[in-house]
Structure formats: C-alpha cells, structure tokens
Amino acid sequence: MLETAPTIESDSVRVRRELRPDDPAEIQRLHGAIYGREHGVNATFEDDVAEAVSSALAAGWPERGGLWAVEQGDRLAGTLALNEESPTVGRVRWFLLEPALRGQGLGRRLLDELIAEADDAGYELLLLDTFSELRTAARLYREHGFEVTAEREWTRWGPTLLLQRYERRRHVLPDSVDGRG
C-alpha cells in the first residue's frame, strides 16, 4: 500500500487511504473547480459527482473498493477511487490531481496500486467512464490495459464532450498453462 507520495513540490504531499467525514464534499468541490476551470463544465457536473459519491457510500464504499486521497498540507489535492460493483466487477472513479501535482509520476503510481488491489481482489473486469479531453489520463488507462468500448456525445455538463467507457479485463492463465496443472 502506498503510504506516502514522494516529494513533489514539498514534503507536505501524502496519500491516505481512509475516508474522512469531509471527503465526499471535498471530492465534489475539487472536481467541480478543476474541471470547471480546465474544461468548462457547469454546476451539473459537480452535482453528478456528488450523487455518484453518495451512491457509492450507500453501497459500502470505500470498504468495498478503496480510496486514495492525495493531500497537500491540510487540503485535498487529488483523488482516486475503486468501487466494487459486484464480486467480479470494479469501477475506477474520481481520478484527479491538481495541476501542480501532475507530470511527476504520482498518478501512475496511484493507478498501479489500484490495479494491483483490483487484481488481488479478483475483479475480472474494471470499468471507468471519462471524457476524451482527458488525454493524459487516457494514455495511463491504455498503458494499464484499458480499452475504449463505447463513446457518445454528452452536453449535460455544458460543453459538448465525448464520453468514453473504458474496460480492462484481468488476464488469468489457466492452470495447465502456468505450470500448476
């Protein structure tokens, strides 16, 4: 488990795994602020994030899945989550870092850890929904075995976006191939 991130801009950047009471509202705020500024999404986007977080909490997240909360000083500066949809299906959610924390390898390491935990948990399929403008994240997803399986235009959040569904299937060798059978 990743307990702390390396020094990015200061020694105050760390990753914690437990959910705190103010995290749901901070996840909503962070997504609304960053995606509003960078992609022009409206308040409906932030509302949809809040609804998704609330639904995940009601379904037992983060105990059924996981949370990676990136803190810089005393504030939330990024997130990544894994939600369990079923015993064999997980969903990657809320992958976001403030701009000053990007490009340093932190996002890659968070996603590496999430994938390892999902594989260890036995998830055969990982899903994630995003939009095409998030090109750096898309590159990371593809490097981790995700493939785009569906696309559609979306205007609910203001600008016209191309929503994308990514899927990653865990590859398991049969016993007879891996030498155990």
N, C-alpha and C. Protein backbone atom coordinates (compact mmCIF):
# COMPACT_ATOMS: atom_id res chain seq x y z
N MET A 1 0.85 -1.18 0.00
CA MET A 1 0.00 0.00 0.00
C MET A 1 0.89 1.24 0.00
N LEU A 2 0.52 2.22 -0.80
CA LEU A 2 1.27 3.46 -0.87
C LEU A 2 0.88 4.32 0.32
N GLU A 3 1.82 4.51 1.23
CA GLU A 3 1.53 5.29 2.43
C GLU A 3 1.80 6.77 2.21
N THR A 4 2.87 7.07 1.54
CA THR A 4 3.19 8.47 1.28
C THR A 4 3.69 8.61 -0.14
N ALA A 5 3.45 9.75 -0.71
CA ALA A 5 3.96 10.05 -2.05
C ALA A 5 5.35 10.63 -1.90
N PRO A 6 6.15 10.58 -2.95
CA PRO A 6 7.46 11.22 -2.87
C PRO A 6 7.27 12.73 -2.82
N THR A 7 8.33 13.40 -2.50
CA THR A 7 8.27 14.86 -2.52
C THR A 7 7.98 15.31 -3.94
N ILE A 8 6.89 16.02 -4.12
CA ILE A 8 6.52 16.53 -5.44
C ILE A 8 6.94 18.00 -5.48
N GLU A 9 6.27 18.81 -4.69
CA GLU A 9 6.66 20.22 -4.58
C GLU A 9 7.13 20.53 -3.17
N SER A 10 6.68 19.70 -2.24
CA SER A 10 7.06 19.91 -0.85
C SER A 10 6.90 18.59 -0.12
N ASP A 11 7.38 18.55 1.08
CA ASP A 11 7.24 17.34 1.89
C ASP A 11 5.82 17.17 2.41
N SER A 12 4.94 18.09 2.11
CA SER A 12 3.59 18.03 2.65
C SER A 12 2.63 17.23 1.78
N VAL A 13 3.09 16.61 0.68
CA VAL A 13 2.22 15.79 -0.16
C VAL A 13 2.23 14.37 0.36
N ARG A 14 1.04 13.83 0.63
CA ARG A 14 0.93 12.47 1.09
C ARG A 14 -0.36 11.86 0.59
N VAL A 15 -0.42 10.54 0.60
CA VAL A 15 -1.61 9.81 0.19
C VAL A 15 -2.13 9.05 1.39
N ARG A 16 -3.38 9.24 1.69
CA ARG A 16 -4.00 8.47 2.77
C ARG A 16 -5.09 7.60 2.18
N ARG A 17 -5.40 6.53 2.86
CA ARG A 17 -6.34 5.55 2.34
C ARG A 17 -7.69 5.57 3.05
N GLU A 18 -7.81 6.24 4.16
CA GLU A 18 -9.08 6.24 4.89
C GLU A 18 -9.95 7.44 4.47
N LEU A 19 -11.25 7.22 4.51
CA LEU A 19 -12.22 8.27 4.20
C LEU A 19 -12.47 9.09 5.45
N ARG A 20 -12.41 10.39 5.30
CA ARG A 20 -12.74 11.30 6.40
C ARG A 20 -14.11 11.91 6.15
N PRO A 21 -14.77 12.40 7.20
CA PRO A 21 -16.14 12.91 7.05
C PRO A 21 -16.31 14.00 6.00
N ASP A 22 -15.32 14.87 5.82
CA ASP A 22 -15.46 15.96 4.86
C ASP A 22 -15.03 15.58 3.44
N ASP A 23 -14.52 14.37 3.24
CA ASP A 23 -14.03 13.97 1.92
C ASP A 23 -15.10 13.98 0.83
N PRO A 24 -16.31 13.45 1.05
CA PRO A 24 -17.29 13.47 -0.05
C PRO A 24 -17.54 14.88 -0.61
N ALA A 25 -17.70 15.85 0.26
CA ALA A 25 -17.91 17.22 -0.20
C ALA A 25 -16.66 17.78 -0.88
N GLU A 26 -15.48 17.40 -0.39
CA GLU A 26 -14.24 17.88 -0.98
C GLU A 26 -13.99 17.24 -2.35
N ILE A 27 -14.36 15.98 -2.52
CA ILE A 27 -14.24 15.33 -3.83
C ILE A 27 -15.12 16.08 -4.84
N GLN A 28 -16.33 16.38 -4.43
CA GLN A 28 -17.26 17.13 -5.29
C GLN A 28 -16.68 18.50 -5.63
N ARG A 29 -16.23 19.22 -4.63
CA ARG A 29 -15.70 20.56 -4.83
C ARG A 29 -14.48 20.55 -5.75
N LEU A 30 -13.55 19.64 -5.48
CA LEU A 30 -12.32 19.57 -6.26
C LEU A 30 -12.62 19.29 -7.74
N HIS A 31 -13.50 18.34 -7.99
CA HIS A 31 -13.85 18.02 -9.38
C HIS A 31 -14.53 19.19 -10.07
N GLY A 32 -15.46 19.82 -9.38
CA GLY A 32 -16.14 20.97 -9.96
C GLY A 32 -15.18 22.11 -10.27
N ALA A 33 -14.28 22.40 -9.34
CA ALA A 33 -13.35 23.52 -9.52
C ALA A 33 -12.37 23.24 -10.66
N ILE A 34 -11.74 22.07 -10.65
CA ILE A 34 -10.71 21.80 -11.67
C ILE A 34 -11.33 21.59 -13.04
N TYR A 35 -12.36 20.75 -13.13
CA TYR A 35 -12.94 20.51 -14.46
C TYR A 35 -13.72 21.72 -14.96
N GLY A 36 -14.23 22.53 -14.06
CA GLY A 36 -14.86 23.77 -14.49
C GLY A 36 -13.84 24.71 -15.12
N ARG A 37 -12.71 24.85 -14.47
CA ARG A 37 -11.65 25.73 -14.96
C ARG A 37 -11.01 25.17 -16.23
N GLU A 38 -10.73 23.88 -16.26
CA GLU A 38 -9.98 23.30 -17.37
C GLU A 38 -10.83 22.89 -18.56
N HIS A 39 -12.10 22.54 -18.33
CA HIS A 39 -12.93 22.01 -19.41
C HIS A 39 -14.29 22.70 -19.53
N GLY A 40 -14.53 23.71 -18.71
CA GLY A 40 -15.74 24.50 -18.84
C GLY A 40 -17.03 23.80 -18.43
N VAL A 41 -16.93 22.73 -17.62
CA VAL A 41 -18.16 22.06 -17.20
C VAL A 41 -18.92 22.95 -16.22
N ASN A 42 -20.23 22.75 -16.19
CA ASN A 42 -21.09 23.57 -15.35
C ASN A 42 -21.36 22.91 -13.99
N ALA A 43 -22.22 23.52 -13.20
CA ALA A 43 -22.52 23.03 -11.86
C ALA A 43 -23.19 21.66 -11.87
N THR A 44 -23.82 21.29 -12.96
CA THR A 44 -24.46 19.98 -13.05
C THR A 44 -23.41 18.87 -12.93
N PHE A 45 -22.22 19.11 -13.45
CA PHE A 45 -21.14 18.13 -13.32
C PHE A 45 -20.83 17.88 -11.85
N GLU A 46 -20.67 18.95 -11.10
CA GLU A 46 -20.38 18.83 -9.67
C GLU A 46 -21.52 18.12 -8.95
N ASP A 47 -22.75 18.43 -9.31
CA ASP A 47 -23.90 17.74 -8.72
C ASP A 47 -23.87 16.25 -9.03
N ASP A 48 -23.50 15.90 -10.26
CA ASP A 48 -23.43 14.49 -10.64
C ASP A 48 -22.32 13.77 -9.89
N VAL A 49 -21.21 14.43 -9.65
CA VAL A 49 -20.14 13.83 -8.85
C VAL A 49 -20.66 13.59 -7.43
N ALA A 50 -21.35 14.55 -6.86
CA ALA A 50 -21.89 14.39 -5.51
C ALA A 50 -22.86 13.22 -5.44
N GLU A 51 -23.70 13.10 -6.44
CA GLU A 51 -24.66 11.98 -6.47
C GLU A 51 -23.94 10.64 -6.59
N ALA A 52 -22.90 10.58 -7.41
CA ALA A 52 -22.15 9.34 -7.57
C ALA A 52 -21.43 8.96 -6.28
N VAL A 53 -20.84 9.93 -5.60
CA VAL A 53 -20.17 9.66 -4.33
C VAL A 53 -21.18 9.17 -3.30
N SER A 54 -22.32 9.82 -3.23
CA SER A 54 -23.37 9.42 -2.29
C SER A 54 -23.84 7.99 -2.56
N SER A 55 -24.04 7.65 -3.82
CA SER A 55 -24.46 6.29 -4.19
C SER A 55 -23.40 5.27 -3.82
N ALA A 56 -22.14 5.62 -4.06
CA ALA A 56 -21.05 4.71 -3.72
C ALA A 56 -20.99 4.49 -2.21
N LEU A 57 -21.14 5.55 -1.44
CA LEU A 57 -21.14 5.42 0.02
C LEU A 57 -22.28 4.52 0.49
N ALA A 58 -23.45 4.69 -0.10
CA ALA A 58 -24.61 3.87 0.27
C ALA A 58 -24.38 2.40 -0.06
N ALA A 59 -23.54 2.12 -1.06
CA ALA A 59 -23.25 0.75 -1.47
C ALA A 59 -22.05 0.15 -0.72
N GLY A 60 -21.50 0.89 0.24
CA GLY A 60 -20.44 0.35 1.08
C GLY A 60 -19.04 0.80 0.75
N TRP A 61 -18.89 1.76 -0.17
CA TRP A 61 -17.57 2.28 -0.47
C TRP A 61 -17.12 3.18 0.67
N PRO A 62 -15.88 3.22 1.05
CA PRO A 62 -14.72 2.63 0.41
C PRO A 62 -14.35 1.23 0.91
N GLU A 63 -15.10 0.69 1.88
CA GLU A 63 -14.77 -0.65 2.36
C GLU A 63 -14.88 -1.67 1.22
N ARG A 64 -15.82 -1.47 0.32
CA ARG A 64 -15.95 -2.32 -0.87
C ARG A 64 -15.28 -1.57 -2.01
N GLY A 65 -13.96 -1.62 -2.04
CA GLY A 65 -13.18 -0.88 -3.03
C GLY A 65 -12.00 -0.23 -2.35
N GLY A 66 -11.82 1.04 -2.58
CA GLY A 66 -10.71 1.73 -1.95
C GLY A 66 -10.69 3.21 -2.29
N LEU A 67 -9.95 3.96 -1.50
CA LEU A 67 -9.79 5.40 -1.70
C LEU A 67 -8.32 5.74 -1.60
N TRP A 68 -7.87 6.58 -2.51
CA TRP A 68 -6.54 7.18 -2.47
C TRP A 68 -6.78 8.68 -2.44
N ALA A 69 -6.58 9.29 -1.27
CA ALA A 69 -6.80 10.72 -1.09
C ALA A 69 -5.44 11.41 -1.02
N VAL A 70 -5.16 12.25 -2.00
CA VAL A 70 -3.88 12.96 -2.06
C VAL A 70 -4.06 14.27 -1.32
N GLU A 71 -3.22 14.47 -0.34
CA GLU A 71 -3.27 15.70 0.44
C GLU A 71 -1.99 16.49 0.24
N GLN A 72 -2.17 17.77 0.17
CA GLN A 72 -1.03 18.68 0.17
C GLN A 72 -1.28 19.63 1.32
N GLY A 73 -0.42 19.56 2.30
CA GLY A 73 -0.68 20.32 3.52
C GLY A 73 -1.93 19.76 4.17
N ASP A 74 -2.88 20.64 4.45
CA ASP A 74 -4.10 20.20 5.12
C ASP A 74 -5.31 20.15 4.19
N ARG A 75 -5.08 20.09 2.87
CA ARG A 75 -6.21 20.09 1.94
C ARG A 75 -6.13 18.95 0.95
N LEU A 76 -7.28 18.54 0.47
CA LEU A 76 -7.37 17.51 -0.55
C LEU A 76 -6.90 18.08 -1.89
N ALA A 77 -5.93 17.41 -2.53
CA ALA A 77 -5.36 17.90 -3.78
C ALA A 77 -5.49 16.88 -4.90
N GLY A 78 -6.13 15.76 -4.62
CA GLY A 78 -6.34 14.76 -5.65
C GLY A 78 -7.03 13.54 -5.08
N THR A 79 -7.60 12.75 -5.98
CA THR A 79 -8.30 11.55 -5.54
C THR A 79 -8.21 10.45 -6.60
N LEU A 80 -8.42 9.25 -6.15
CA LEU A 80 -8.63 8.09 -6.99
C LEU A 80 -9.44 7.12 -6.14
N ALA A 81 -10.41 6.47 -6.76
CA ALA A 81 -11.25 5.53 -6.00
C ALA A 81 -11.51 4.29 -6.83
N LEU A 82 -11.75 3.22 -6.11
CA LEU A 82 -12.18 1.95 -6.69
C LEU A 82 -13.48 1.58 -5.99
N ASN A 83 -14.54 1.41 -6.77
CA ASN A 83 -15.84 0.97 -6.24
C ASN A 83 -16.08 -0.46 -6.67
N GLU A 84 -16.59 -1.27 -5.75
CA GLU A 84 -16.98 -2.62 -6.13
C GLU A 84 -18.40 -2.59 -6.66
N GLU A 85 -18.57 -3.05 -7.88
CA GLU A 85 -19.91 -3.13 -8.48
C GLU A 85 -20.51 -4.50 -8.25
N SER A 86 -19.66 -5.52 -8.21
CA SER A 86 -20.05 -6.90 -7.92
C SER A 86 -18.78 -7.61 -7.48
N PRO A 87 -18.86 -8.84 -7.04
CA PRO A 87 -17.64 -9.53 -6.62
C PRO A 87 -16.60 -9.67 -7.74
N THR A 88 -16.99 -9.52 -9.00
CA THR A 88 -16.05 -9.67 -10.11
C THR A 88 -15.86 -8.40 -10.93
N VAL A 89 -16.57 -7.31 -10.57
CA VAL A 89 -16.50 -6.07 -11.35
C VAL A 89 -16.22 -4.89 -10.42
N GLY A 90 -15.21 -4.11 -10.78
CA GLY A 90 -14.89 -2.89 -10.06
C GLY A 90 -14.98 -1.70 -11.01
N ARG A 91 -15.11 -0.51 -10.42
CA ARG A 91 -15.19 0.71 -11.21
C ARG A 91 -14.17 1.72 -10.68
N VAL A 92 -13.35 2.25 -11.59
CA VAL A 92 -12.38 3.30 -11.26
C VAL A 92 -13.13 4.63 -11.29
N ARG A 93 -12.97 5.42 -10.23
CA ARG A 93 -13.71 6.68 -10.12
C ARG A 93 -12.80 7.81 -9.63
N TRP A 94 -13.18 9.02 -9.96
CA TRP A 94 -12.67 10.27 -9.37
C TRP A 94 -11.15 10.39 -9.39
N PHE A 95 -10.56 10.07 -10.54
CA PHE A 95 -9.11 10.16 -10.71
C PHE A 95 -8.78 11.59 -11.13
N LEU A 96 -8.17 12.32 -10.21
CA LEU A 96 -7.90 13.74 -10.45
C LEU A 96 -6.78 14.20 -9.55
N LEU A 97 -5.87 14.97 -10.13
CA LEU A 97 -4.82 15.63 -9.37
C LEU A 97 -4.82 17.11 -9.72
N GLU A 98 -4.57 17.95 -8.73
CA GLU A 98 -4.40 19.36 -9.03
C GLU A 98 -3.25 19.52 -10.02
N PRO A 99 -3.32 20.54 -10.87
CA PRO A 99 -2.30 20.71 -11.91
C PRO A 99 -0.86 20.70 -11.40
N ALA A 100 -0.60 21.28 -10.25
CA ALA A 100 0.77 21.34 -9.74
C ALA A 100 1.33 19.96 -9.37
N LEU A 101 0.47 18.96 -9.21
CA LEU A 101 0.91 17.61 -8.84
C LEU A 101 1.03 16.67 -10.04
N ARG A 102 0.67 17.15 -11.21
CA ARG A 102 0.69 16.30 -12.40
C ARG A 102 2.09 16.24 -13.00
N GLY A 103 2.32 15.17 -13.78
CA GLY A 103 3.56 15.04 -14.51
C GLY A 103 4.75 14.59 -13.68
N GLN A 104 4.51 14.14 -12.46
CA GLN A 104 5.58 13.73 -11.58
C GLN A 104 5.57 12.22 -11.30
N GLY A 105 4.62 11.50 -11.92
CA GLY A 105 4.53 10.06 -11.72
C GLY A 105 3.58 9.64 -10.61
N LEU A 106 3.01 10.58 -9.90
CA LEU A 106 2.12 10.24 -8.79
C LEU A 106 0.86 9.54 -9.30
N GLY A 107 0.23 10.07 -10.33
CA GLY A 107 -0.98 9.46 -10.87
C GLY A 107 -0.73 8.04 -11.34
N ARG A 108 0.38 7.81 -12.00
CA ARG A 108 0.74 6.48 -12.49
C ARG A 108 0.87 5.52 -11.31
N ARG A 109 1.55 5.95 -10.26
CA ARG A 109 1.72 5.07 -9.09
C ARG A 109 0.40 4.79 -8.40
N LEU A 110 -0.48 5.79 -8.33
CA LEU A 110 -1.79 5.54 -7.73
C LEU A 110 -2.56 4.51 -8.55
N LEU A 111 -2.55 4.67 -9.86
CA LEU A 111 -3.26 3.73 -10.73
C LEU A 111 -2.62 2.35 -10.67
N ASP A 112 -1.30 2.27 -10.60
CA ASP A 112 -0.62 0.98 -10.43
C ASP A 112 -1.15 0.27 -9.19
N GLU A 113 -1.24 1.01 -8.10
CA GLU A 113 -1.69 0.41 -6.85
C GLU A 113 -3.15 -0.02 -6.94
N LEU A 114 -3.98 0.81 -7.53
CA LEU A 114 -5.40 0.45 -7.69
C LEU A 114 -5.54 -0.83 -8.51
N ILE A 115 -4.81 -0.93 -9.63
CA ILE A 115 -4.88 -2.12 -10.48
C ILE A 115 -4.43 -3.35 -9.70
N ALA A 116 -3.34 -3.23 -8.96
CA ALA A 116 -2.85 -4.37 -8.18
C ALA A 116 -3.89 -4.80 -7.15
N GLU A 117 -4.51 -3.86 -6.48
CA GLU A 117 -5.54 -4.21 -5.49
C GLU A 117 -6.76 -4.82 -6.16
N ALA A 118 -7.15 -4.29 -7.31
CA ALA A 118 -8.30 -4.84 -8.02
C ALA A 118 -8.01 -6.28 -8.47
N ASP A 119 -6.81 -6.52 -8.97
CA ASP A 119 -6.44 -7.88 -9.37
C ASP A 119 -6.41 -8.81 -8.16
N ASP A 120 -5.82 -8.35 -7.06
CA ASP A 120 -5.78 -9.16 -5.84
C ASP A 120 -7.18 -9.47 -5.31
N ALA A 121 -8.11 -8.53 -5.50
CA ALA A 121 -9.48 -8.72 -5.03
C ALA A 121 -10.27 -9.66 -5.95
N GLY A 122 -9.70 -10.00 -7.09
CA GLY A 122 -10.36 -10.92 -8.00
C GLY A 122 -11.31 -10.29 -9.00
N TYR A 123 -11.23 -8.97 -9.15
CA TYR A 123 -12.09 -8.34 -10.15
C TYR A 123 -11.66 -8.80 -11.54
N GLU A 124 -12.57 -9.38 -12.27
CA GLU A 124 -12.30 -9.82 -13.63
C GLU A 124 -12.42 -8.67 -14.62
N LEU A 125 -13.20 -7.66 -14.26
CA LEU A 125 -13.45 -6.53 -15.14
C LEU A 125 -13.38 -5.24 -14.34
N LEU A 126 -12.65 -4.27 -14.88
CA LEU A 126 -12.64 -2.92 -14.33
C LEU A 126 -13.26 -2.00 -15.37
N LEU A 127 -14.17 -1.14 -14.91
CA LEU A 127 -14.84 -0.16 -15.75
C LEU A 127 -14.40 1.22 -15.34
N LEU A 128 -14.42 2.15 -16.28
CA LEU A 128 -14.28 3.55 -15.93
C LEU A 128 -14.92 4.38 -17.02
N ASP A 129 -15.49 5.49 -16.62
CA ASP A 129 -16.10 6.43 -17.55
C ASP A 129 -15.36 7.75 -17.44
N THR A 130 -15.08 8.35 -18.59
CA THR A 130 -14.32 9.58 -18.64
C THR A 130 -14.74 10.34 -19.89
N PHE A 131 -14.04 11.41 -20.20
CA PHE A 131 -14.29 12.07 -21.48
C PHE A 131 -12.98 12.27 -22.22
N SER A 132 -13.08 12.34 -23.53
CA SER A 132 -11.92 12.24 -24.41
C SER A 132 -10.89 13.35 -24.21
N GLU A 133 -11.28 14.49 -23.67
CA GLU A 133 -10.34 15.59 -23.49
C GLU A 133 -9.27 15.30 -22.44
N LEU A 134 -9.48 14.28 -21.63
CA LEU A 134 -8.52 13.93 -20.57
C LEU A 134 -7.47 12.98 -21.15
N ARG A 135 -6.66 13.51 -22.04
CA ARG A 135 -5.74 12.70 -22.84
C ARG A 135 -4.62 12.04 -22.02
N THR A 136 -4.09 12.73 -21.04
CA THR A 136 -3.02 12.14 -20.23
C THR A 136 -3.55 10.96 -19.44
N ALA A 137 -4.72 11.13 -18.86
CA ALA A 137 -5.33 10.01 -18.12
C ALA A 137 -5.62 8.85 -19.07
N ALA A 138 -6.11 9.16 -20.27
CA ALA A 138 -6.41 8.11 -21.25
C ALA A 138 -5.16 7.31 -21.59
N ARG A 139 -4.04 7.99 -21.73
CA ARG A 139 -2.79 7.29 -22.02
C ARG A 139 -2.44 6.33 -20.87
N LEU A 140 -2.60 6.79 -19.64
CA LEU A 140 -2.35 5.92 -18.49
C LEU A 140 -3.29 4.72 -18.49
N TYR A 141 -4.55 4.96 -18.77
CA TYR A 141 -5.51 3.85 -18.81
C TYR A 141 -5.10 2.82 -19.84
N ARG A 142 -4.75 3.27 -21.04
CA ARG A 142 -4.36 2.33 -22.10
C ARG A 142 -3.08 1.57 -21.71
N GLU A 143 -2.13 2.26 -21.08
CA GLU A 143 -0.90 1.59 -20.63
C GLU A 143 -1.19 0.51 -19.59
N HIS A 144 -2.31 0.63 -18.89
CA HIS A 144 -2.70 -0.34 -17.87
C HIS A 144 -3.70 -1.38 -18.41
N GLY A 145 -3.85 -1.45 -19.71
CA GLY A 145 -4.68 -2.49 -20.31
C GLY A 145 -6.13 -2.14 -20.54
N PHE A 146 -6.52 -0.90 -20.31
CA PHE A 146 -7.90 -0.48 -20.58
C PHE A 146 -8.08 -0.22 -22.06
N GLU A 147 -9.28 -0.49 -22.55
CA GLU A 147 -9.64 -0.20 -23.94
C GLU A 147 -10.97 0.53 -23.97
N VAL A 148 -11.11 1.45 -24.91
CA VAL A 148 -12.39 2.15 -25.09
C VAL A 148 -13.39 1.15 -25.69
N THR A 149 -14.54 1.02 -25.05
CA THR A 149 -15.56 0.09 -25.54
C THR A 149 -16.83 0.80 -26.00
N ALA A 150 -16.97 2.07 -25.67
CA ALA A 150 -18.16 2.82 -26.10
C ALA A 150 -17.85 4.31 -26.03
N GLU A 151 -18.50 5.08 -26.91
CA GLU A 151 -18.37 6.54 -26.91
C GLU A 151 -19.73 7.14 -27.26
N ARG A 152 -19.97 8.33 -26.70
CA ARG A 152 -21.18 9.07 -27.07
C ARG A 152 -20.99 10.54 -26.71
N GLU A 153 -21.67 11.40 -27.48
CA GLU A 153 -21.62 12.84 -27.18
C GLU A 153 -22.50 13.12 -25.97
N TRP A 154 -22.09 14.13 -25.22
CA TRP A 154 -22.75 14.46 -23.96
C TRP A 154 -22.74 15.97 -23.79
N THR A 155 -23.90 16.56 -23.53
CA THR A 155 -23.97 18.02 -23.36
C THR A 155 -24.51 18.43 -21.99
N ARG A 156 -24.82 17.48 -21.14
CA ARG A 156 -25.42 17.77 -19.83
C ARG A 156 -24.56 18.72 -18.99
N TRP A 157 -23.24 18.64 -19.15
CA TRP A 157 -22.36 19.44 -18.30
C TRP A 157 -21.90 20.74 -18.95
N GLY A 158 -22.61 21.17 -20.00
CA GLY A 158 -22.27 22.43 -20.65
C GLY A 158 -21.69 22.22 -22.03
N PRO A 159 -20.37 22.13 -22.14
CA PRO A 159 -19.78 21.94 -23.47
C PRO A 159 -20.09 20.54 -24.00
N THR A 160 -20.03 20.39 -25.31
CA THR A 160 -20.20 19.06 -25.89
C THR A 160 -18.93 18.26 -25.64
N LEU A 161 -19.10 17.14 -24.95
CA LEU A 161 -17.98 16.27 -24.61
C LEU A 161 -18.19 14.90 -25.25
N LEU A 162 -17.13 14.20 -25.50
CA LEU A 162 -17.22 12.83 -25.97
C LEU A 162 -16.95 11.93 -24.77
N LEU A 163 -18.03 11.37 -24.21
CA LEU A 163 -17.88 10.45 -23.09
C LEU A 163 -17.35 9.13 -23.60
N GLN A 164 -16.50 8.51 -22.81
CA GLN A 164 -15.91 7.24 -23.18
C GLN A 164 -16.02 6.25 -22.04
N ARG A 165 -16.36 5.03 -22.38
CA ARG A 165 -16.34 3.91 -21.43
C ARG A 165 -15.09 3.10 -21.73
N TYR A 166 -14.27 2.90 -20.72
CA TYR A 166 -13.10 2.04 -20.81
C TYR A 166 -13.35 0.78 -20.01
N GLU A 167 -12.76 -0.32 -20.48
CA GLU A 167 -12.84 -1.59 -19.76
C GLU A 167 -11.47 -2.24 -19.76
N ARG A 168 -11.19 -2.93 -18.66
CA ARG A 168 -9.96 -3.71 -18.54
C ARG A 168 -10.34 -5.08 -18.00
N ARG A 169 -10.01 -6.09 -18.75
CA ARG A 169 -10.24 -7.47 -18.31
C ARG A 169 -8.94 -8.03 -17.75
N ARG A 170 -9.06 -8.65 -16.60
CA ARG A 170 -7.89 -9.28 -15.98
C ARG A 170 -7.61 -10.57 -16.74
N HIS A 171 -6.36 -10.75 -17.09
CA HIS A 171 -5.96 -11.95 -17.81
C HIS A 171 -5.42 -12.97 -16.82
N VAL A 172 -6.08 -14.11 -16.76
CA VAL A 172 -5.68 -15.17 -15.86
C VAL A 172 -5.31 -16.38 -16.70
N LEU A 173 -4.12 -16.90 -16.46
CA LEU A 173 -3.69 -18.08 -17.19
C LEU A 173 -4.36 -19.32 -16.60
N PRO A 174 -4.82 -20.22 -17.45
CA PRO A 174 -5.36 -21.48 -16.92
C PRO A 174 -4.25 -22.26 -16.21
N ASP A 175 -4.62 -23.11 -15.27
CA ASP A 175 -3.63 -23.88 -14.51
C ASP A 175 -2.71 -24.66 -15.44
N SER A 176 -3.22 -25.20 -16.54
CA SER A 176 -2.41 -26.02 -17.42
C SER A 176 -1.36 -25.19 -18.16
N VAL A 177 -1.54 -23.88 -18.26
CA VAL A 177 -0.58 -23.03 -18.96
C VAL A 177 0.49 -22.51 -18.02
N ASP A 178 0.14 -22.28 -16.77
CA ASP A 178 1.12 -21.66 -15.87
C ASP A 178 1.96 -22.69 -15.13
N GLY A 179 1.84 -23.97 -15.49
CA GLY A 179 2.71 -24.97 -14.91
C GLY A 179 2.19 -25.61 -13.64
N ARG A 180 1.01 -25.20 -13.18
CA ARG A 180 0.47 -25.78 -11.94
C ARG A 180 -0.49 -26.92 -12.22
N GLY A 181 -0.80 -27.21 -13.48
CA GLY A 181 -1.84 -28.18 -13.73
C GLY A 181 -1.41 -29.17 -14.69
